[in-house]
């Protein structure tokens, strides 16, 4: 079943958010230790 454009955009937004959060966590960990 094909995804709608909005579904795809939502998925990309989720991925982007997760990536930013992971990057931020990594940076915070590096500073903390």
C-alpha atoms as a PDB file:
ATOM      1  CA  UNK A   1       0.000   0.000   0.000  1.00  0.00           C
ATOM      2  CA  UNK A   2       1.454   3.300  -1.081  1.00  0.00           C
ATOM      3  CA  UNK A   3       2.031   5.929   1.545  1.00  0.00           C
ATOM      4  CA  UNK A   4       0.532   9.348   1.102  1.00  0.00           C
ATOM      5  CA  UNK A   5       2.783  12.365   0.831  1.00  0.00           C
ATOM      6  CA  UNK A   6       1.821  13.483   4.331  1.00  0.00           C
ATOM      7  CA  UNK A   7       2.737  10.054   5.739  1.00  0.00           C
ATOM      8  CA  UNK A   8       6.143  10.268   4.093  1.00  0.00           C
ATOM      9  CA  UNK A   9       6.689  13.803   5.381  1.00  0.00           C
ATOM     10  CA  UNK A  10       5.714  12.725   8.887  1.00  0.00           C
ATOM     11  CA  UNK A  11       8.173   9.829   8.727  1.00  0.00           C
ATOM     12  CA  UNK A  12      10.956  12.142   7.589  1.00  0.00           C
ATOM     13  CA  UNK A  13      10.115  14.603  10.359  1.00  0.00           C
ATOM     14  CA  UNK A  14      10.272  11.778  12.919  1.00  0.00           C
ATOM     15  CA  UNK A  15      13.637  10.618  11.593  1.00  0.00           C
ATOM     16  CA  UNK A  16      14.992  14.157  11.635  1.00  0.00           C
ATOM     17  CA  UNK A  17      13.791  14.708  15.196  1.00  0.00           C
ATOM     18  CA  UNK A  18      15.328  11.437  16.383  1.00  0.00           C
ATOM     19  CA  UNK A  19      18.607  12.222  14.647  1.00  0.00           C
ATOM     20  CA  UNK A  20      18.782  15.672  16.239  1.00  0.00           C
ATOM     21  CA  UNK A  21      17.970  14.256  19.670  1.00  0.00           C
ATOM     22  CA  UNK A  22      20.599  11.510  19.333  1.00  0.00           C
ATOM     23  CA  UNK A  23      23.203  14.002  18.162  1.00  0.00           C
ATOM     24  CA  UNK A  24      22.355  16.286  21.069  1.00  0.00           C
ATOM     25  CA  UNK A  25      22.572  13.378  23.529  1.00  0.00           C
ATOM     26  CA  UNK A  26      25.971  12.389  22.132  1.00  0.00           C
ATOM     27  CA  UNK A  27      27.231  15.953  22.411  1.00  0.00           C
ATOM     28  CA  UNK A  28      25.933  16.253  25.968  1.00  0.00           C
ATOM     29  CA  UNK A  29      27.592  12.967  26.909  1.00  0.00           C
ATOM     30  CA  UNK A  30      30.894  14.107  25.426  1.00  0.00           C
ATOM     31  CA  UNK A  31      30.752  17.316  27.436  1.00  0.00           C
ATOM     32  CA  UNK A  32      29.664  15.545  30.613  1.00  0.00           C
ATOM     33  CA  UNK A  33      32.546  13.080  30.576  1.00  0.00           C
END
